[in-house]
């Protein structure tokens, strides 16, 4: 056997088995055009040499690659980590492999990732788009006939399946709970409105305040990046207001972590 099985080629297998490379390819692709005896010789040669067939080459010859992709804006976000893990588990049940792509909420990275996946001929993509400005990237997938489904976020003008939570209802219920606890000055830390889930959570926040007859105070809304650093900075702004909020609704868990750290840095506790 060679020192490195990755160096073994289909020609090496064919030579050892005494057949043509085409015959080896037929055995690998489970063609019925190979006799049982020839198949056994080829399989024995594959085993002896430690040959590993290229999944990509096999896929291209069969017009499929057996590969899916999951694109998320922040793989460090526990929510997206769980999404990726679940998607990979389900894909494996159907003999698919998953390529994970983290765009870091960067539109340029998202564009490049999508171009690469089109070139690799993935059979489908589950994507949490960066923002509404991802529309040209999604339109390109559609133009090339790559099936895709949106996760957590939608983009206006893109007609496709989407798996999303009830961001409006969830946010409204959370703020209603704070109101029931007696809070009247409730802050909101949220990312920009160009992300659909952020818009919807702001909508839920505002709906709960209106329903309770509470004013919508722009000073209580802090836009920021959806990460711990953004949460820390935004909470600092809220704490610096003339009348501090008694409770704050954060757009996601990572923002909440940063916000809590800012509260403690200011000498307070959560809850206080």
Protein backbone atom coordinates (compact mmCIF):
# COMPACT_ATOMS: atom_id res chain seq x y z
CA UNK A 1 0.00 0.00 0.00
CA UNK A 2 1.24 3.50 -0.69
CA UNK A 3 2.26 5.73 2.23
CA UNK A 4 -0.54 8.14 1.49
CA UNK A 5 -3.83 6.69 0.25
CA UNK A 6 -4.82 10.11 -1.04
CA UNK A 7 -2.12 9.74 -3.71
CA UNK A 8 -3.70 6.56 -5.12
CA UNK A 9 -5.50 7.17 -8.40
CA UNK A 10 -8.20 5.31 -10.27
CA UNK A 11 -5.51 4.27 -12.77
CA UNK A 12 -3.56 2.55 -9.97
CA UNK A 13 -6.66 0.57 -9.02
CA UNK A 14 -7.32 -0.35 -12.64
CA UNK A 15 -3.73 -1.54 -13.11
CA UNK A 16 -3.81 -3.76 -10.03
CA UNK A 17 -7.20 -5.21 -10.93
CA UNK A 18 -6.28 -5.71 -14.57
CA UNK A 19 -9.16 -3.64 -15.90
CA UNK A 20 -9.69 -0.21 -17.45
CA UNK A 21 -10.24 2.96 -15.39
CA UNK A 22 -13.76 3.08 -16.87
CA UNK A 23 -14.51 -0.34 -15.35
CA UNK A 24 -13.29 0.87 -11.95
CA UNK A 25 -15.55 3.91 -12.30
CA UNK A 26 -18.51 1.63 -13.07
CA UNK A 27 -17.84 -0.43 -9.96
CA UNK A 28 -17.60 2.68 -7.80
CA UNK A 29 -20.86 4.01 -9.23
CA UNK A 30 -22.56 0.63 -8.74
CA UNK A 31 -23.23 0.05 -12.43
CA UNK A 32 -24.87 -3.25 -13.41
CA UNK A 33 -22.61 -3.43 -16.47
CA UNK A 34 -19.80 -5.17 -14.53
CA UNK A 35 -19.59 -8.94 -13.93
CA UNK A 36 -19.50 -10.17 -10.30
CA UNK A 37 -15.96 -11.52 -10.75
CA UNK A 38 -14.64 -8.23 -12.14
CA UNK A 39 -16.41 -6.32 -9.37
CA UNK A 40 -14.70 -8.49 -6.74
CA UNK A 41 -11.25 -7.89 -8.31
CA UNK A 42 -11.79 -4.14 -8.40
CA UNK A 43 -13.10 -4.03 -4.83
CA UNK A 44 -10.11 -6.07 -3.65
CA UNK A 45 -7.73 -3.66 -5.41
CA UNK A 46 -9.51 -0.66 -3.86
CA UNK A 47 -9.18 -2.21 -0.42
CA UNK A 48 -5.52 -3.15 -0.87
CA UNK A 49 -4.50 0.28 -2.12
CA UNK A 50 -6.72 2.21 0.28
CA UNK A 51 -8.23 4.11 -2.62
CA UNK A 52 -10.74 6.80 -1.66
CA UNK A 53 -13.08 7.74 -4.54
CA UNK A 54 -13.72 11.44 -5.06
CA UNK A 55 -17.26 12.27 -3.96
CA UNK A 56 -17.21 15.34 -6.18
CA UNK A 57 -16.15 13.42 -9.26
CA UNK A 58 -18.79 10.76 -8.61
CA UNK A 59 -21.39 13.46 -8.14
CA UNK A 60 -20.54 15.27 -11.33
CA UNK A 61 -20.78 12.07 -13.36
CA UNK A 62 -24.18 11.37 -11.83
CA UNK A 63 -25.26 15.04 -12.09
CA UNK A 64 -25.45 15.28 -8.28
CA UNK A 65 -22.92 15.95 -5.55
CA UNK A 66 -24.72 14.74 -2.44
CA UNK A 67 -23.79 18.05 -0.84
CA UNK A 68 -25.89 20.71 0.86
CA UNK A 69 -24.83 24.01 2.42
CA UNK A 70 -25.89 26.00 5.45
CA UNK A 71 -25.04 29.70 5.48
CA UNK A 72 -25.35 31.66 8.74
CA UNK A 73 -24.32 35.21 9.72
CA UNK A 74 -22.64 34.19 12.99
CA UNK A 75 -21.81 30.59 13.82
CA UNK A 76 -20.81 31.70 17.35
CA UNK A 77 -24.44 32.65 18.04
CA UNK A 78 -25.90 29.67 19.97
CA UNK A 79 -29.13 29.90 17.98
CA UNK A 80 -27.35 29.38 14.66
CA UNK A 81 -25.06 26.76 16.19
CA UNK A 82 -28.15 24.69 16.99
CA UNK A 83 -29.56 25.28 13.51
CA UNK A 84 -26.36 24.03 11.88
CA UNK A 85 -26.17 20.98 14.13
CA UNK A 86 -29.77 20.00 13.43
CA UNK A 87 -29.41 20.54 9.68
CA UNK A 88 -26.27 18.38 9.56
CA UNK A 89 -27.99 15.61 11.52
CA UNK A 90 -31.01 15.53 9.22
CA UNK A 91 -28.84 15.70 6.09
CA UNK A 92 -26.81 12.70 7.21
CA UNK A 93 -29.95 10.60 7.51
CA UNK A 94 -30.43 11.06 3.77
CA UNK A 95 -26.74 10.46 2.95
CA UNK A 96 -26.00 14.13 2.30
CA UNK A 97 -22.97 16.04 3.53
CA UNK A 98 -23.16 19.64 4.71
CA UNK A 99 -20.83 22.55 3.99
CA UNK A 100 -20.98 25.21 6.72
CA UNK A 101 -20.40 28.83 5.73
CA UNK A 102 -20.16 31.69 8.25
CA UNK A 103 -20.62 35.10 6.58
CA UNK A 104 -19.89 37.06 9.77
CA UNK A 105 -22.82 39.28 8.75
CA UNK A 106 -20.67 40.64 5.91
CA UNK A 107 -22.40 41.08 2.55
CA UNK A 108 -19.15 40.73 0.60
CA UNK A 109 -18.39 37.42 2.31
CA UNK A 110 -21.95 36.24 1.66
CA UNK A 111 -21.60 37.07 -2.05
CA UNK A 112 -18.30 35.19 -2.33
CA UNK A 113 -19.66 32.17 -0.43
CA UNK A 114 -22.67 31.92 -2.72
CA UNK A 115 -20.47 32.11 -5.83
CA UNK A 116 -18.29 29.30 -4.47
CA UNK A 117 -21.28 27.11 -3.64
CA UNK A 118 -22.74 27.59 -7.12
CA UNK A 119 -19.37 26.53 -8.57
CA UNK A 120 -19.30 23.45 -6.31
CA UNK A 121 -22.80 22.51 -7.53
CA UNK A 122 -24.35 22.02 -4.12
CA UNK A 123 -27.82 20.55 -4.37
CA UNK A 124 -29.48 22.93 -1.95
CA UNK A 125 -28.81 25.75 0.51
CA UNK A 126 -30.36 26.77 3.82
CA UNK A 127 -29.42 30.41 4.42
CA UNK A 128 -29.95 33.02 7.11
CA UNK A 129 -29.29 36.10 4.94
CA UNK A 130 -27.22 39.00 6.24
CA UNK A 131 -30.02 41.52 5.65
CA UNK A 132 -32.50 42.88 3.13
CA UNK A 133 -29.46 43.78 1.02
CA UNK A 134 -28.86 40.06 0.44
CA UNK A 135 -31.56 40.12 -2.24
CA UNK A 136 -29.16 40.17 -5.25
CA UNK A 137 -27.28 37.18 -3.82
CA UNK A 138 -30.48 35.17 -3.38
CA UNK A 139 -31.66 36.18 -6.84
CA UNK A 140 -28.42 34.79 -8.24
CA UNK A 141 -29.08 31.42 -6.60
CA UNK A 142 -32.51 31.38 -8.22
CA UNK A 143 -31.01 32.33 -11.59
CA UNK A 144 -28.67 29.33 -11.44
CA UNK A 145 -31.45 27.00 -10.34
CA UNK A 146 -29.97 26.27 -6.91
CA UNK A 147 -32.80 25.38 -4.49
CA UNK A 148 -32.64 27.38 -1.26
CA UNK A 149 -34.69 28.04 1.85
CA UNK A 150 -34.42 31.02 4.20
CA UNK A 151 -33.81 30.54 7.93
CA UNK A 152 -34.94 32.95 10.65
CA UNK A 153 -35.10 35.89 8.23
CA UNK A 154 -37.02 36.82 5.11
CA UNK A 155 -36.14 39.19 2.28
CA UNK A 156 -38.82 41.16 0.46
CA UNK A 157 -39.14 40.25 -3.21
CA UNK A 158 -37.65 36.78 -2.77
CA UNK A 159 -40.27 34.09 -3.32
CA UNK A 160 -39.10 30.94 -1.58
CA UNK A 161 -39.77 28.73 1.42
CA UNK A 162 -38.72 30.09 4.80
CA UNK A 163 -38.42 28.63 8.29
CA UNK A 164 -38.95 31.44 10.80
CA UNK A 165 -40.08 31.91 14.36
CA UNK A 166 -42.80 34.24 15.62
CA UNK A 167 -40.52 37.19 16.32
CA UNK A 168 -43.42 39.66 16.66
CA UNK A 169 -45.43 37.50 19.03
CA UNK A 170 -42.42 36.37 21.03
CA UNK A 171 -41.18 39.92 21.58
CA UNK A 172 -44.66 41.13 22.47
CA UNK A 173 -45.11 38.42 25.10
CA UNK A 174 -41.71 39.14 26.65
CA UNK A 175 -42.44 42.85 26.98
CA UNK A 176 -45.95 42.15 28.29
CA UNK A 177 -44.34 40.01 31.00
CA UNK A 178 -42.09 42.91 32.00
CA UNK A 179 -45.12 45.20 32.15
CA UNK A 180 -46.95 42.73 34.39
CA UNK A 181 -43.91 42.80 36.71
CA UNK A 182 -44.43 46.55 37.08
CA UNK A 183 -41.88 47.96 34.63
CA UNK A 184 -42.93 51.11 32.77
CA UNK A 185 -39.66 52.35 31.26
CA UNK A 186 -38.55 49.39 29.14
CA UNK A 187 -35.56 49.72 26.88
CA UNK A 188 -34.88 47.90 23.62
CA UNK A 189 -31.48 46.93 22.25
CA UNK A 190 -31.88 45.92 18.62
CA UNK A 191 -29.96 45.68 15.37
CA UNK A 192 -30.81 47.75 12.30
CA UNK A 193 -34.22 47.51 10.65
CA UNK A 194 -32.70 46.02 7.48
CA UNK A 195 -32.83 42.61 9.21
CA UNK A 196 -36.40 41.26 9.15
CA UNK A 197 -36.22 39.52 12.53
CA UNK A 198 -35.02 42.76 14.16
CA UNK A 199 -37.90 44.70 12.56
CA UNK A 200 -40.38 42.15 13.81
CA UNK A 201 -39.03 42.14 17.37
CA UNK A 202 -39.18 45.92 17.45
CA UNK A 203 -42.76 45.67 16.19
CA UNK A 204 -43.63 43.26 19.02
CA UNK A 205 -41.98 45.57 21.56
CA UNK A 206 -43.93 48.58 20.31
CA UNK A 207 -47.22 46.66 20.15
CA UNK A 208 -46.90 45.61 23.80
CA UNK A 209 -46.21 49.19 24.92
CA UNK A 210 -49.14 50.59 22.92
CA UNK A 211 -51.50 47.93 24.26
CA UNK A 212 -50.51 48.92 27.81
CA UNK A 213 -50.94 52.63 27.09
CA UNK A 214 -47.22 53.31 27.53
CA UNK A 215 -45.39 55.91 25.41
CA UNK A 216 -42.85 54.97 22.75
CA UNK A 217 -39.74 56.82 23.86
CA UNK A 218 -37.01 56.91 21.15
CA UNK A 219 -34.42 57.44 23.90
CA UNK A 220 -35.17 53.92 25.14
CA UNK A 221 -34.31 52.27 21.79
CA UNK A 222 -30.63 51.62 21.10
CA UNK A 223 -29.58 50.23 17.71
CA UNK A 224 -26.34 48.27 17.66
CA UNK A 225 -24.52 45.25 16.27
CA UNK A 226 -26.02 41.86 17.29
CA UNK A 227 -23.12 40.69 19.44
CA UNK A 228 -21.81 41.09 23.02
CA UNK A 229 -19.78 44.19 22.16
CA UNK A 230 -22.86 45.79 20.64
CA UNK A 231 -24.94 44.88 23.68
CA UNK A 232 -22.34 46.39 26.02
CA UNK A 233 -22.13 49.64 24.07
CA UNK A 234 -25.89 50.00 23.66
CA UNK A 235 -26.62 49.32 27.32
CA UNK A 236 -24.07 51.99 28.20
CA UNK A 237 -26.12 54.49 26.20
CA UNK A 238 -29.34 53.44 27.90
CA UNK A 239 -27.77 53.72 31.35
CA UNK A 240 -26.58 57.23 30.46
CA UNK A 241 -30.11 58.52 29.76
CA UNK A 242 -31.59 61.06 32.16
CA UNK A 243 -34.12 58.51 33.44
CA UNK A 244 -32.71 54.99 33.13
CA UNK A 245 -34.93 52.09 32.01
CA UNK A 246 -35.90 49.63 34.76
CA UNK A 247 -35.85 46.72 32.29
CA UNK A 248 -34.35 46.09 28.85
CA UNK A 249 -35.39 43.72 26.06
CA UNK A 250 -32.36 42.54 24.04
CA UNK A 251 -32.75 41.36 20.45
CA UNK A 252 -30.79 38.14 21.05
CA UNK A 253 -28.82 36.22 23.69
CA UNK A 254 -25.40 37.52 22.62
CA UNK A 255 -26.59 41.11 22.91
CA UNK A 256 -28.06 40.28 26.31
CA UNK A 257 -24.68 38.97 27.53
CA UNK A 258 -22.98 42.24 26.62
CA UNK A 259 -25.81 44.27 28.14
CA UNK A 260 -25.56 42.39 31.45
CA UNK A 261 -21.82 42.97 31.53
CA UNK A 262 -22.39 46.71 31.02
CA UNK A 263 -24.90 46.79 33.88
CA UNK A 264 -22.44 45.09 36.23
CA UNK A 265 -19.60 47.35 35.09
CA UNK A 266 -21.80 50.31 36.06
CA UNK A 267 -22.15 48.88 39.57
CA UNK A 268 -25.61 47.38 39.27
CA UNK A 269 -26.90 43.82 39.28
CA UNK A 270 -29.35 41.90 37.08
CA UNK A 271 -32.01 41.83 38.34
CA UNK A 272 -31.63 44.92 40.52
